[in-house]
Structures are given as C-alpha cells and as structure tokens.
C-alpha cells in the first residue's frame, strides 16, 4: 500500500511463538515512544513463516505481495 507523502506504508510481519497472544494494537503501543512516529507500522500481519530465498534471506518482494493479499482479506483495498 502506498502513502502519498512517504511512498510505501510501514508494515510489520510477525511470527508468534506458541502460546503467545498479541494484537495489532499491542504492537503499535509497544512501538510508541521507542521509535519515530513515521516508523510505527500502520499494518501488522501475523504470519506462520517468512518467504525465504535459497540463501536463507527473507524475500522482501514476496512480503510486499503477501501484504497486498492480506490487506484484501482484511477488507482494505490497496492503491
């Protein structure tokens, strides 16, 4: 998703450990006061795994594609 001012919006992809309960608001509240306001994620996605390349690095372009699909599932129409 894009912002007119910043280009892309900040999103966080989080893998939860077993038994941990967390919400988007908990993540955003944790970030407030610790990082700059424009770096606080607008969207928080809880995922089971990250898309990895053969070298073990996270494939950011696939995360971007995942975010568009997850936004549609939440009822948010990406621009």
Foldseek 3Di string as FASTA:
>chain_A
DADPVPGRAAEEEAEDDPPDDDDLVNQQVVCPPPDDPSNRGPYYHYDNDADADPVGDGDVVVVVVVVCVVCVVVVHHDD
